[in-house]
Amino acid sequence: MTSAAGPIRTLIADDEWMVRSTLRAILEAVPDITVSGEASDGVEAVDLARTTRPDVVLMDIRMPRGDGLTATERLAQLDPAPRVVVLTTFDLDEYVHEALRHGAVGFLLKDASAEEMIAAVRSAARGDAMISPRITRRLLRMFAAPRPDRRSDYARQLSVLTSKEHEVLVAVGGGLTNTEIALTLYMSEATVKTHVSRILAKLSLNNRVQAAILAHHAGLLD
């Protein structure tokens, strides 16, 4: 969900004022993004989202008076619902699956570069998920230990994919963004987005992390 016209309206939710200030400076340095508000806790984030109607919310997880997971779940119930990109650190990875379940579409580490932050907001506004490659790899190690006895079952699930979709799935499993996949496989970003959407639909998956985990289980990333 993006605004019909004008810059991408972005709400920043983090309990540290310095983080909010840094994010605001990064985002407002580009012409196509504007910060519609700042929240210091989850309750304030939801209240501000109702009044400012942002396209994208950058959401910290650990905040007082309403954590980021609860806020993400409540934001998903709004109409229209903003797209939530969760800011996390390595020691908070256990929350990523929960945030995905509650409707988050992207994940970034707090030490991500300015370019990655900007790309994440743009990607979310377009309806694409963006998950830091480092988070993807760590999630696979932590939550997706492959079972050799099930590998053939997982591989059979992928038989519905075309050869090109198979290539895209491998790239998704490696944590690549749509832009990176387009460059790697010599196709347009629009084509990549179409392939990703078809992969998720054919495999009955909800997001890129689930696709990456399935690719891992099937042995595609070995």
N, C-alpha and C. Protein backbone atom coordinates (compact mmCIF):
# COMPACT_ATOMS: atom_id res chain seq x y z
N MET A 1 0.83 -1.18 0.00
CA MET A 1 0.00 0.00 0.00
C MET A 1 0.87 1.23 0.00
N THR A 2 0.90 1.95 -1.09
CA THR A 2 1.63 3.20 -1.15
C THR A 2 0.67 4.33 -1.41
N SER A 3 1.08 5.53 -1.06
CA SER A 3 0.26 6.68 -1.31
C SER A 3 0.05 6.83 -2.80
N ALA A 4 -1.14 7.31 -3.19
CA ALA A 4 -1.44 7.48 -4.60
C ALA A 4 -0.49 8.48 -5.23
N ALA A 5 -0.09 9.49 -4.47
CA ALA A 5 0.84 10.50 -4.98
C ALA A 5 1.70 10.97 -3.82
N GLY A 6 2.88 11.47 -4.16
CA GLY A 6 3.73 12.01 -3.11
C GLY A 6 4.65 10.98 -2.52
N PRO A 7 5.47 11.41 -1.57
CA PRO A 7 6.48 10.52 -0.97
C PRO A 7 5.86 9.43 -0.11
N ILE A 8 6.65 8.42 0.18
CA ILE A 8 6.23 7.32 1.03
C ILE A 8 6.17 7.82 2.48
N ARG A 9 5.01 7.77 3.07
CA ARG A 9 4.83 8.23 4.45
C ARG A 9 5.28 7.12 5.40
N THR A 10 6.26 7.46 6.24
CA THR A 10 6.89 6.45 7.10
C THR A 10 6.83 6.86 8.56
N LEU A 11 6.38 5.94 9.40
CA LEU A 11 6.33 6.15 10.84
C LEU A 11 7.48 5.39 11.48
N ILE A 12 8.20 6.05 12.37
CA ILE A 12 9.33 5.42 13.06
C ILE A 12 8.93 5.14 14.51
N ALA A 13 9.05 3.88 14.93
CA ALA A 13 8.71 3.50 16.30
C ALA A 13 9.92 2.86 16.97
N ASP A 14 10.50 3.59 17.92
CA ASP A 14 11.66 3.11 18.66
C ASP A 14 11.74 3.89 19.97
N ASP A 15 12.08 3.22 21.06
CA ASP A 15 12.08 3.91 22.34
C ASP A 15 13.34 4.75 22.57
N GLU A 16 14.32 4.67 21.68
CA GLU A 16 15.54 5.47 21.82
C GLU A 16 15.47 6.68 20.88
N TRP A 17 15.49 7.87 21.45
CA TRP A 17 15.35 9.08 20.63
C TRP A 17 16.47 9.22 19.62
N MET A 18 17.67 8.74 19.98
CA MET A 18 18.79 8.88 19.06
C MET A 18 18.58 8.01 17.82
N VAL A 19 18.01 6.81 18.02
CA VAL A 19 17.72 5.93 16.89
C VAL A 19 16.67 6.59 15.99
N ARG A 20 15.62 7.13 16.61
CA ARG A 20 14.58 7.79 15.83
C ARG A 20 15.16 8.96 15.04
N SER A 21 16.00 9.75 15.69
CA SER A 21 16.59 10.91 15.05
C SER A 21 17.47 10.50 13.87
N THR A 22 18.25 9.45 14.06
CA THR A 22 19.12 8.96 12.98
C THR A 22 18.31 8.45 11.80
N LEU A 23 17.27 7.68 12.11
CA LEU A 23 16.42 7.13 11.04
C LEU A 23 15.72 8.25 10.28
N ARG A 24 15.24 9.24 11.01
CA ARG A 24 14.57 10.37 10.35
C ARG A 24 15.54 11.07 9.39
N ALA A 25 16.75 11.31 9.85
CA ALA A 25 17.74 11.99 9.01
C ALA A 25 18.05 11.18 7.75
N ILE A 26 18.17 9.86 7.92
CA ILE A 26 18.46 8.99 6.78
C ILE A 26 17.32 9.02 5.76
N LEU A 27 16.09 8.85 6.26
CA LEU A 27 14.94 8.72 5.37
C LEU A 27 14.60 10.03 4.69
N GLU A 28 14.70 11.14 5.42
CA GLU A 28 14.31 12.42 4.84
C GLU A 28 15.41 13.02 3.96
N ALA A 29 16.51 12.31 3.82
CA ALA A 29 17.57 12.77 2.92
C ALA A 29 17.25 12.43 1.46
N VAL A 30 16.22 11.60 1.26
CA VAL A 30 15.81 11.25 -0.11
C VAL A 30 14.44 11.84 -0.38
N PRO A 31 14.17 12.23 -1.62
CA PRO A 31 12.93 12.97 -1.92
C PRO A 31 11.65 12.14 -1.90
N ASP A 32 11.76 10.82 -2.03
CA ASP A 32 10.55 10.01 -2.16
C ASP A 32 10.08 9.42 -0.83
N ILE A 33 10.69 9.81 0.29
CA ILE A 33 10.27 9.32 1.61
C ILE A 33 10.12 10.50 2.54
N THR A 34 9.06 10.51 3.34
CA THR A 34 8.88 11.51 4.38
C THR A 34 8.49 10.82 5.68
N VAL A 35 8.92 11.34 6.80
CA VAL A 35 8.58 10.76 8.10
C VAL A 35 7.31 11.43 8.59
N SER A 36 6.26 10.63 8.75
CA SER A 36 4.96 11.17 9.16
C SER A 36 4.82 11.27 10.67
N GLY A 37 5.72 10.62 11.40
CA GLY A 37 5.64 10.69 12.86
C GLY A 37 6.67 9.80 13.52
N GLU A 38 6.86 10.02 14.83
CA GLU A 38 7.76 9.20 15.63
C GLU A 38 7.03 8.73 16.88
N ALA A 39 7.22 7.46 17.22
CA ALA A 39 6.60 6.89 18.42
C ALA A 39 7.68 6.28 19.30
N SER A 40 7.51 6.40 20.61
CA SER A 40 8.50 5.87 21.53
C SER A 40 8.06 4.55 22.16
N ASP A 41 6.86 4.08 21.83
CA ASP A 41 6.41 2.78 22.33
C ASP A 41 5.33 2.24 21.39
N GLY A 42 4.94 0.99 21.63
CA GLY A 42 3.99 0.34 20.75
C GLY A 42 2.61 0.96 20.75
N VAL A 43 2.14 1.38 21.90
CA VAL A 43 0.81 1.98 21.99
C VAL A 43 0.77 3.28 21.18
N GLU A 44 1.80 4.10 21.36
CA GLU A 44 1.87 5.36 20.63
C GLU A 44 1.98 5.11 19.13
N ALA A 45 2.69 4.06 18.74
CA ALA A 45 2.84 3.74 17.33
C ALA A 45 1.49 3.44 16.68
N VAL A 46 0.68 2.65 17.37
CA VAL A 46 -0.64 2.31 16.82
C VAL A 46 -1.53 3.55 16.76
N ASP A 47 -1.51 4.36 17.82
CA ASP A 47 -2.32 5.58 17.84
C ASP A 47 -1.92 6.52 16.72
N LEU A 48 -0.61 6.71 16.53
CA LEU A 48 -0.13 7.60 15.47
C LEU A 48 -0.46 7.05 14.09
N ALA A 49 -0.40 5.74 13.94
CA ALA A 49 -0.72 5.14 12.64
C ALA A 49 -2.18 5.39 12.28
N ARG A 50 -3.05 5.37 13.28
CA ARG A 50 -4.46 5.63 13.01
C ARG A 50 -4.69 7.06 12.51
N THR A 51 -3.91 8.00 13.04
CA THR A 51 -4.13 9.42 12.68
C THR A 51 -3.31 9.88 11.49
N THR A 52 -2.09 9.36 11.35
CA THR A 52 -1.22 9.83 10.26
C THR A 52 -1.26 8.94 9.04
N ARG A 53 -1.80 7.74 9.17
CA ARG A 53 -1.98 6.80 8.06
C ARG A 53 -0.70 6.62 7.23
N PRO A 54 0.36 6.12 7.87
CA PRO A 54 1.61 5.91 7.13
C PRO A 54 1.50 4.75 6.15
N ASP A 55 2.37 4.77 5.15
CA ASP A 55 2.46 3.65 4.22
C ASP A 55 3.32 2.54 4.82
N VAL A 56 4.37 2.95 5.54
CA VAL A 56 5.34 2.01 6.10
C VAL A 56 5.63 2.40 7.55
N VAL A 57 5.81 1.38 8.40
CA VAL A 57 6.22 1.61 9.79
C VAL A 57 7.52 0.88 10.04
N LEU A 58 8.54 1.61 10.51
CA LEU A 58 9.77 0.97 10.98
C LEU A 58 9.59 0.70 12.46
N MET A 59 9.58 -0.56 12.85
CA MET A 59 9.14 -0.96 14.18
C MET A 59 10.24 -1.66 14.98
N ASP A 60 10.61 -1.06 16.11
CA ASP A 60 11.49 -1.75 17.04
C ASP A 60 10.68 -2.83 17.75
N ILE A 61 11.34 -3.84 18.30
CA ILE A 61 10.60 -4.91 18.97
C ILE A 61 10.46 -4.65 20.46
N ARG A 62 11.56 -4.34 21.11
CA ARG A 62 11.52 -4.14 22.56
C ARG A 62 11.27 -2.67 22.89
N MET A 63 10.05 -2.40 23.29
CA MET A 63 9.67 -1.05 23.69
C MET A 63 8.74 -1.13 24.89
N PRO A 64 8.71 -0.11 25.72
CA PRO A 64 7.81 -0.11 26.87
C PRO A 64 6.37 0.16 26.42
N ARG A 65 5.43 -0.11 27.27
CA ARG A 65 4.01 0.21 27.04
C ARG A 65 3.52 -0.27 25.68
N GLY A 66 3.75 -1.53 25.42
CA GLY A 66 3.33 -2.10 24.15
C GLY A 66 4.53 -2.40 23.28
N ASP A 67 4.92 -3.69 23.21
CA ASP A 67 6.10 -4.04 22.44
C ASP A 67 5.79 -4.05 20.95
N GLY A 68 6.86 -4.20 20.15
CA GLY A 68 6.71 -4.14 18.71
C GLY A 68 5.89 -5.28 18.13
N LEU A 69 5.93 -6.45 18.74
CA LEU A 69 5.14 -7.59 18.25
C LEU A 69 3.65 -7.31 18.38
N THR A 70 3.24 -6.84 19.56
CA THR A 70 1.83 -6.52 19.79
C THR A 70 1.39 -5.40 18.87
N ALA A 71 2.24 -4.38 18.73
CA ALA A 71 1.90 -3.25 17.86
C ALA A 71 1.77 -3.70 16.41
N THR A 72 2.66 -4.57 15.96
CA THR A 72 2.59 -5.08 14.59
C THR A 72 1.29 -5.82 14.34
N GLU A 73 0.88 -6.63 15.30
CA GLU A 73 -0.38 -7.37 15.18
C GLU A 73 -1.56 -6.41 15.10
N ARG A 74 -1.55 -5.35 15.91
CA ARG A 74 -2.65 -4.38 15.90
C ARG A 74 -2.65 -3.55 14.63
N LEU A 75 -1.48 -3.22 14.12
CA LEU A 75 -1.40 -2.45 12.88
C LEU A 75 -1.97 -3.24 11.70
N ALA A 76 -1.79 -4.56 11.73
CA ALA A 76 -2.29 -5.40 10.65
C ALA A 76 -3.81 -5.39 10.57
N GLN A 77 -4.46 -4.97 11.65
CA GLN A 77 -5.93 -4.94 11.70
C GLN A 77 -6.50 -3.63 11.18
N LEU A 78 -5.63 -2.64 10.94
CA LEU A 78 -6.11 -1.35 10.44
C LEU A 78 -6.50 -1.48 8.97
N ASP A 79 -7.35 -0.57 8.52
CA ASP A 79 -7.77 -0.56 7.13
C ASP A 79 -7.68 0.86 6.58
N PRO A 80 -6.72 1.14 5.72
CA PRO A 80 -5.71 0.22 5.21
C PRO A 80 -4.59 0.02 6.22
N ALA A 81 -3.96 -1.16 6.16
CA ALA A 81 -2.89 -1.48 7.11
C ALA A 81 -1.55 -1.04 6.55
N PRO A 82 -0.73 -0.37 7.36
CA PRO A 82 0.62 -0.02 6.88
C PRO A 82 1.48 -1.27 6.81
N ARG A 83 2.53 -1.20 6.05
CA ARG A 83 3.46 -2.32 5.96
C ARG A 83 4.56 -2.13 7.00
N VAL A 84 4.79 -3.15 7.80
CA VAL A 84 5.70 -3.04 8.93
C VAL A 84 7.04 -3.69 8.60
N VAL A 85 8.11 -2.91 8.79
CA VAL A 85 9.47 -3.42 8.69
C VAL A 85 10.05 -3.42 10.10
N VAL A 86 10.42 -4.58 10.57
CA VAL A 86 10.92 -4.73 11.95
C VAL A 86 12.42 -4.48 12.00
N LEU A 87 12.83 -3.68 12.97
CA LEU A 87 14.25 -3.46 13.24
C LEU A 87 14.66 -4.41 14.35
N THR A 88 15.69 -5.18 14.13
CA THR A 88 16.07 -6.18 15.11
C THR A 88 17.59 -6.24 15.27
N THR A 89 18.03 -6.97 16.26
CA THR A 89 19.45 -7.24 16.48
C THR A 89 19.61 -8.75 16.59
N PHE A 90 20.83 -9.23 16.50
CA PHE A 90 21.05 -10.67 16.51
C PHE A 90 20.43 -11.34 17.73
N ASP A 91 20.49 -10.68 18.88
CA ASP A 91 19.99 -11.35 20.08
C ASP A 91 18.46 -11.33 20.15
N LEU A 92 17.82 -10.74 19.14
CA LEU A 92 16.36 -10.73 19.13
C LEU A 92 15.79 -11.62 18.03
N ASP A 93 16.64 -12.43 17.41
CA ASP A 93 16.18 -13.23 16.28
C ASP A 93 15.01 -14.15 16.63
N GLU A 94 14.89 -14.53 17.91
CA GLU A 94 13.80 -15.43 18.27
C GLU A 94 12.44 -14.80 18.04
N TYR A 95 12.41 -13.47 17.88
CA TYR A 95 11.14 -12.79 17.68
C TYR A 95 10.75 -12.67 16.20
N VAL A 96 11.67 -12.98 15.31
CA VAL A 96 11.40 -12.73 13.90
C VAL A 96 10.25 -13.58 13.38
N HIS A 97 10.23 -14.87 13.72
CA HIS A 97 9.14 -15.72 13.28
C HIS A 97 7.80 -15.20 13.81
N GLU A 98 7.79 -14.78 15.06
CA GLU A 98 6.57 -14.27 15.66
C GLU A 98 6.11 -13.00 14.94
N ALA A 99 7.04 -12.13 14.62
CA ALA A 99 6.69 -10.90 13.91
C ALA A 99 6.14 -11.21 12.52
N LEU A 100 6.72 -12.18 11.84
CA LEU A 100 6.20 -12.61 10.55
C LEU A 100 4.76 -13.08 10.68
N ARG A 101 4.51 -13.84 11.72
CA ARG A 101 3.16 -14.36 11.93
C ARG A 101 2.16 -13.24 12.18
N HIS A 102 2.65 -12.14 12.77
CA HIS A 102 1.78 -11.02 13.08
C HIS A 102 1.66 -10.02 11.93
N GLY A 103 2.33 -10.28 10.82
CA GLY A 103 2.11 -9.45 9.65
C GLY A 103 3.26 -8.57 9.18
N ALA A 104 4.43 -8.67 9.81
CA ALA A 104 5.56 -7.87 9.34
C ALA A 104 5.99 -8.34 7.95
N VAL A 105 6.43 -7.40 7.11
CA VAL A 105 6.82 -7.76 5.75
C VAL A 105 8.31 -7.65 5.52
N GLY A 106 9.04 -7.06 6.45
CA GLY A 106 10.47 -6.90 6.27
C GLY A 106 11.22 -6.89 7.58
N PHE A 107 12.50 -7.21 7.51
CA PHE A 107 13.35 -7.23 8.70
C PHE A 107 14.71 -6.66 8.35
N LEU A 108 15.20 -5.80 9.22
CA LEU A 108 16.52 -5.22 9.05
C LEU A 108 17.25 -5.24 10.38
N LEU A 109 18.55 -5.42 10.30
CA LEU A 109 19.35 -5.27 11.51
C LEU A 109 19.54 -3.79 11.80
N LYS A 110 19.65 -3.45 13.07
CA LYS A 110 19.78 -2.04 13.44
C LYS A 110 21.08 -1.43 12.95
N ASP A 111 22.06 -2.25 12.61
CA ASP A 111 23.31 -1.70 12.10
C ASP A 111 23.34 -1.69 10.57
N ALA A 112 22.15 -1.82 9.96
CA ALA A 112 22.08 -1.77 8.50
C ALA A 112 22.54 -0.41 8.00
N SER A 113 23.01 -0.38 6.78
CA SER A 113 23.48 0.88 6.19
C SER A 113 22.29 1.78 5.85
N ALA A 114 22.58 3.05 5.62
CA ALA A 114 21.54 3.99 5.22
C ALA A 114 20.87 3.52 3.93
N GLU A 115 21.66 3.01 3.01
CA GLU A 115 21.11 2.52 1.74
C GLU A 115 20.15 1.36 1.97
N GLU A 116 20.49 0.47 2.90
CA GLU A 116 19.62 -0.67 3.18
C GLU A 116 18.32 -0.20 3.83
N MET A 117 18.41 0.78 4.73
CA MET A 117 17.21 1.32 5.37
C MET A 117 16.27 1.92 4.32
N ILE A 118 16.82 2.72 3.45
CA ILE A 118 16.02 3.37 2.41
C ILE A 118 15.41 2.31 1.48
N ALA A 119 16.22 1.33 1.10
CA ALA A 119 15.74 0.27 0.21
C ALA A 119 14.62 -0.53 0.86
N ALA A 120 14.72 -0.74 2.18
CA ALA A 120 13.69 -1.51 2.89
C ALA A 120 12.35 -0.78 2.88
N VAL A 121 12.38 0.54 3.09
CA VAL A 121 11.15 1.32 3.08
C VAL A 121 10.53 1.30 1.68
N ARG A 122 11.35 1.52 0.68
CA ARG A 122 10.84 1.51 -0.70
C ARG A 122 10.27 0.14 -1.07
N SER A 123 11.00 -0.91 -0.67
CA SER A 123 10.56 -2.26 -0.98
C SER A 123 9.22 -2.58 -0.32
N ALA A 124 9.09 -2.22 0.95
CA ALA A 124 7.84 -2.46 1.67
C ALA A 124 6.69 -1.69 1.04
N ALA A 125 6.95 -0.45 0.65
CA ALA A 125 5.91 0.37 0.05
C ALA A 125 5.43 -0.22 -1.27
N ARG A 126 6.33 -0.89 -1.99
CA ARG A 126 5.95 -1.52 -3.25
C ARG A 126 5.20 -2.83 -3.03
N GLY A 127 5.20 -3.30 -1.80
CA GLY A 127 4.55 -4.58 -1.53
C GLY A 127 5.50 -5.76 -1.52
N ASP A 128 6.81 -5.47 -1.62
CA ASP A 128 7.81 -6.54 -1.58
C ASP A 128 8.33 -6.69 -0.15
N ALA A 129 8.67 -7.92 0.21
CA ALA A 129 9.30 -8.14 1.51
C ALA A 129 10.80 -7.96 1.37
N MET A 130 11.42 -7.38 2.39
CA MET A 130 12.87 -7.28 2.41
C MET A 130 13.38 -7.78 3.75
N ILE A 131 14.20 -8.79 3.70
CA ILE A 131 14.76 -9.36 4.91
C ILE A 131 16.28 -9.38 4.77
N SER A 132 16.95 -8.81 5.72
CA SER A 132 18.40 -8.75 5.68
C SER A 132 18.97 -10.14 5.42
N PRO A 133 19.89 -10.25 4.45
CA PRO A 133 20.51 -11.56 4.20
C PRO A 133 21.12 -12.17 5.45
N ARG A 134 21.69 -11.34 6.32
CA ARG A 134 22.29 -11.87 7.55
C ARG A 134 21.22 -12.49 8.45
N ILE A 135 20.02 -11.86 8.48
CA ILE A 135 18.94 -12.41 9.28
C ILE A 135 18.47 -13.72 8.66
N THR A 136 18.33 -13.75 7.33
CA THR A 136 17.88 -14.97 6.67
C THR A 136 18.81 -16.13 6.97
N ARG A 137 20.12 -15.89 6.82
CA ARG A 137 21.08 -16.97 7.08
C ARG A 137 21.03 -17.42 8.53
N ARG A 138 20.91 -16.48 9.45
CA ARG A 138 20.88 -16.84 10.86
C ARG A 138 19.60 -17.59 11.22
N LEU A 139 18.48 -17.17 10.63
CA LEU A 139 17.23 -17.87 10.86
C LEU A 139 17.32 -19.31 10.39
N LEU A 140 17.93 -19.51 9.24
CA LEU A 140 18.06 -20.87 8.73
C LEU A 140 18.87 -21.73 9.68
N ARG A 141 19.93 -21.15 10.23
CA ARG A 141 20.75 -21.91 11.18
C ARG A 141 20.00 -22.21 12.47
N MET A 142 19.22 -21.23 12.94
CA MET A 142 18.59 -21.37 14.25
C MET A 142 17.30 -22.18 14.22
N PHE A 143 16.50 -21.99 13.16
CA PHE A 143 15.14 -22.55 13.17
C PHE A 143 14.89 -23.61 12.11
N ALA A 144 15.84 -23.82 11.23
CA ALA A 144 15.53 -24.69 10.10
C ALA A 144 16.56 -25.78 9.91
N ALA A 145 16.93 -26.45 10.99
CA ALA A 145 17.87 -27.56 10.86
C ALA A 145 17.26 -28.62 9.95
N PRO A 146 17.89 -28.92 8.82
CA PRO A 146 17.29 -29.85 7.86
C PRO A 146 17.24 -31.28 8.40
N ARG A 147 16.21 -32.01 8.01
CA ARG A 147 16.08 -33.42 8.37
C ARG A 147 16.35 -34.25 7.13
N PRO A 148 17.46 -34.96 7.09
CA PRO A 148 17.81 -35.73 5.90
C PRO A 148 16.71 -36.70 5.48
N ASP A 149 15.98 -37.26 6.45
CA ASP A 149 14.94 -38.23 6.11
C ASP A 149 13.74 -37.60 5.43
N ARG A 150 13.62 -36.26 5.52
CA ARG A 150 12.50 -35.57 4.90
C ARG A 150 12.91 -34.81 3.64
N ARG A 151 14.19 -34.81 3.33
CA ARG A 151 14.67 -33.97 2.22
C ARG A 151 13.94 -34.29 0.92
N SER A 152 13.74 -35.57 0.62
CA SER A 152 13.07 -35.93 -0.64
C SER A 152 11.63 -35.44 -0.65
N ASP A 153 10.97 -35.43 0.53
CA ASP A 153 9.60 -34.92 0.61
C ASP A 153 9.56 -33.43 0.28
N TYR A 154 10.51 -32.70 0.85
CA TYR A 154 10.58 -31.27 0.58
C TYR A 154 10.88 -31.02 -0.89
N ALA A 155 11.79 -31.81 -1.44
CA ALA A 155 12.16 -31.64 -2.85
C ALA A 155 10.95 -31.89 -3.75
N ARG A 156 10.12 -32.87 -3.39
CA ARG A 156 8.93 -33.16 -4.21
C ARG A 156 7.97 -31.97 -4.21
N GLN A 157 7.90 -31.25 -3.10
CA GLN A 157 7.02 -30.08 -3.06
C GLN A 157 7.42 -29.06 -4.12
N LEU A 158 8.70 -29.03 -4.44
CA LEU A 158 9.20 -28.03 -5.38
C LEU A 158 9.01 -28.44 -6.84
N SER A 159 8.48 -29.65 -7.07
CA SER A 159 8.32 -30.13 -8.45
C SER A 159 7.29 -29.32 -9.23
N VAL A 160 6.47 -28.55 -8.52
CA VAL A 160 5.45 -27.73 -9.20
C VAL A 160 6.06 -26.46 -9.80
N LEU A 161 7.30 -26.18 -9.46
CA LEU A 161 7.93 -24.96 -9.92
C LEU A 161 8.57 -25.13 -11.30
N THR A 162 8.58 -24.07 -12.08
CA THR A 162 9.31 -24.08 -13.34
C THR A 162 10.80 -23.96 -13.04
N SER A 163 11.63 -24.18 -14.05
CA SER A 163 13.07 -24.09 -13.83
C SER A 163 13.47 -22.68 -13.43
N LYS A 164 12.82 -21.68 -13.99
CA LYS A 164 13.15 -20.30 -13.64
C LYS A 164 12.70 -19.99 -12.22
N GLU A 165 11.51 -20.47 -11.82
CA GLU A 165 11.05 -20.27 -10.45
C GLU A 165 11.99 -20.97 -9.48
N HIS A 166 12.50 -22.11 -9.88
CA HIS A 166 13.47 -22.83 -9.05
C HIS A 166 14.71 -21.99 -8.82
N GLU A 167 15.20 -21.35 -9.87
CA GLU A 167 16.37 -20.47 -9.75
C GLU A 167 16.08 -19.31 -8.80
N VAL A 168 14.91 -18.73 -8.95
CA VAL A 168 14.54 -17.59 -8.10
C VAL A 168 14.43 -18.04 -6.65
N LEU A 169 13.87 -19.23 -6.42
CA LEU A 169 13.75 -19.73 -5.05
C LEU A 169 15.13 -19.91 -4.41
N VAL A 170 16.08 -20.40 -5.15
CA VAL A 170 17.45 -20.55 -4.63
C VAL A 170 17.99 -19.18 -4.22
N ALA A 171 17.74 -18.17 -5.05
CA ALA A 171 18.21 -16.82 -4.76
C ALA A 171 17.52 -16.25 -3.52
N VAL A 172 16.23 -16.49 -3.42
CA VAL A 172 15.49 -16.05 -2.23
C VAL A 172 16.06 -16.74 -1.00
N GLY A 173 16.36 -18.03 -1.13
CA GLY A 173 16.93 -18.77 -0.02
C GLY A 173 18.27 -18.21 0.42
N GLY A 174 18.97 -17.58 -0.50
CA GLY A 174 20.25 -16.97 -0.17
C GLY A 174 20.12 -15.59 0.42
N GLY A 175 18.88 -15.12 0.59
CA GLY A 175 18.65 -13.83 1.21
C GLY A 175 18.75 -12.65 0.25
N LEU A 176 18.73 -12.90 -1.06
CA LEU A 176 18.85 -11.81 -2.02
C LEU A 176 17.54 -11.02 -2.12
N THR A 177 17.67 -9.73 -2.34
CA THR A 177 16.50 -8.89 -2.58
C THR A 177 16.07 -9.06 -4.03
N ASN A 178 14.89 -8.53 -4.37
CA ASN A 178 14.43 -8.61 -5.76
C ASN A 178 15.41 -7.93 -6.71
N THR A 179 15.96 -6.80 -6.29
CA THR A 179 16.93 -6.09 -7.12
C THR A 179 18.15 -6.95 -7.37
N GLU A 180 18.65 -7.60 -6.33
CA GLU A 180 19.84 -8.45 -6.46
C GLU A 180 19.54 -9.68 -7.32
N ILE A 181 18.34 -10.23 -7.15
CA ILE A 181 17.96 -11.39 -7.97
C ILE A 181 17.89 -10.99 -9.44
N ALA A 182 17.32 -9.81 -9.70
CA ALA A 182 17.20 -9.33 -11.08
C ALA A 182 18.57 -9.20 -11.73
N LEU A 183 19.52 -8.66 -10.98
CA LEU A 183 20.87 -8.49 -11.51
C LEU A 183 21.56 -9.84 -11.71
N THR A 184 21.35 -10.76 -10.77
CA THR A 184 22.01 -12.06 -10.83
C THR A 184 21.46 -12.94 -11.95
N LEU A 185 20.13 -12.90 -12.13
CA LEU A 185 19.49 -13.79 -13.11
C LEU A 185 19.13 -13.08 -14.41
N TYR A 186 19.57 -11.82 -14.55
CA TYR A 186 19.36 -11.06 -15.79
C TYR A 186 17.89 -10.98 -16.20
N MET A 187 17.09 -10.49 -15.27
CA MET A 187 15.68 -10.26 -15.56
C MET A 187 15.26 -8.96 -14.88
N SER A 188 14.09 -8.47 -15.22
CA SER A 188 13.62 -7.23 -14.62
C SER A 188 13.11 -7.49 -13.20
N GLU A 189 13.07 -6.45 -12.39
CA GLU A 189 12.54 -6.59 -11.03
C GLU A 189 11.08 -7.00 -11.06
N ALA A 190 10.33 -6.49 -12.05
CA ALA A 190 8.92 -6.85 -12.17
C ALA A 190 8.76 -8.34 -12.41
N THR A 191 9.65 -8.89 -13.25
CA THR A 191 9.60 -10.33 -13.52
C THR A 191 9.96 -11.13 -12.27
N VAL A 192 10.96 -10.66 -11.54
CA VAL A 192 11.33 -11.33 -10.29
C VAL A 192 10.15 -11.34 -9.33
N LYS A 193 9.50 -10.18 -9.18
CA LYS A 193 8.36 -10.08 -8.26
C LYS A 193 7.26 -11.06 -8.67
N THR A 194 7.03 -11.19 -9.98
CA THR A 194 6.01 -12.13 -10.46
C THR A 194 6.40 -13.56 -10.11
N HIS A 195 7.67 -13.90 -10.32
CA HIS A 195 8.13 -15.25 -10.00
C HIS A 195 7.98 -15.53 -8.50
N VAL A 196 8.38 -14.57 -7.66
CA VAL A 196 8.27 -14.78 -6.21
C VAL A 196 6.82 -14.99 -5.80
N SER A 197 5.93 -14.19 -6.35
CA SER A 197 4.50 -14.33 -6.03
C SER A 197 3.98 -15.70 -6.44
N ARG A 198 4.39 -16.17 -7.60
CA ARG A 198 3.94 -17.50 -8.07
C ARG A 198 4.53 -18.61 -7.21
N ILE A 199 5.78 -18.45 -6.80
CA ILE A 199 6.41 -19.45 -5.93
C ILE A 199 5.64 -19.57 -4.63
N LEU A 200 5.34 -18.44 -4.00
CA LEU A 200 4.61 -18.46 -2.74
C LEU A 200 3.23 -19.08 -2.91
N ALA A 201 2.56 -18.73 -4.02
CA ALA A 201 1.21 -19.27 -4.26
C ALA A 201 1.26 -20.77 -4.51
N LYS A 202 2.18 -21.22 -5.35
CA LYS A 202 2.27 -22.65 -5.68
C LYS A 202 2.62 -23.50 -4.47
N LEU A 203 3.45 -22.94 -3.58
CA LEU A 203 3.91 -23.71 -2.42
C LEU A 203 3.08 -23.43 -1.17
N SER A 204 2.04 -22.59 -1.31
CA SER A 204 1.16 -22.24 -0.18
C SER A 204 1.94 -21.65 0.98
N LEU A 205 2.83 -20.71 0.65
CA LEU A 205 3.65 -20.04 1.65
C LEU A 205 3.21 -18.60 1.80
N ASN A 206 3.53 -18.01 2.95
CA ASN A 206 3.09 -16.64 3.23
C ASN A 206 4.16 -15.59 2.99
N ASN A 207 5.44 -15.98 3.03
CA ASN A 207 6.49 -14.97 2.95
C ASN A 207 7.80 -15.60 2.50
N ARG A 208 8.79 -14.73 2.27
CA ARG A 208 10.07 -15.15 1.75
C ARG A 208 10.86 -16.01 2.73
N VAL A 209 10.71 -15.75 4.02
CA VAL A 209 11.44 -16.56 4.99
C VAL A 209 10.98 -18.01 4.93
N GLN A 210 9.67 -18.22 4.83
CA GLN A 210 9.17 -19.59 4.70
C GLN A 210 9.71 -20.24 3.43
N ALA A 211 9.79 -19.47 2.36
CA ALA A 211 10.34 -20.00 1.11
C ALA A 211 11.81 -20.36 1.28
N ALA A 212 12.56 -19.50 1.97
CA ALA A 212 13.98 -19.76 2.20
C ALA A 212 14.17 -21.02 3.04
N ILE A 213 13.33 -21.19 4.05
CA ILE A 213 13.44 -22.37 4.91
C ILE A 213 13.12 -23.64 4.12
N LEU A 214 12.11 -23.60 3.26
CA LEU A 214 11.78 -24.76 2.44
C LEU A 214 12.93 -25.10 1.49
N ALA A 215 13.52 -24.06 0.91
CA ALA A 215 14.67 -24.29 0.02
C ALA A 215 15.80 -24.94 0.80
N HIS A 216 16.00 -24.49 2.03
CA HIS A 216 17.03 -25.07 2.90
C HIS A 216 16.73 -26.53 3.19
N HIS A 217 15.48 -26.82 3.58
CA HIS A 217 15.09 -28.21 3.87
C HIS A 217 15.29 -29.12 2.67
N ALA A 218 15.03 -28.57 1.47
CA ALA A 218 15.12 -29.39 0.26
C ALA A 218 16.54 -29.57 -0.23
N GLY A 219 17.49 -28.93 0.45
CA GLY A 219 18.89 -29.10 0.08
C GLY A 219 19.37 -28.19 -1.03
N LEU A 220 18.59 -27.16 -1.36
CA LEU A 220 18.96 -26.29 -2.47
C LEU A 220 20.12 -25.36 -2.13
N LEU A 221 20.36 -25.16 -0.85
CA LEU A 221 21.37 -24.18 -0.46
C LEU A 221 22.67 -24.82 -0.02
N ASP A 222 22.77 -26.14 -0.18
CA ASP A 222 23.98 -26.84 0.24
C ASP A 222 25.16 -26.48 -0.66
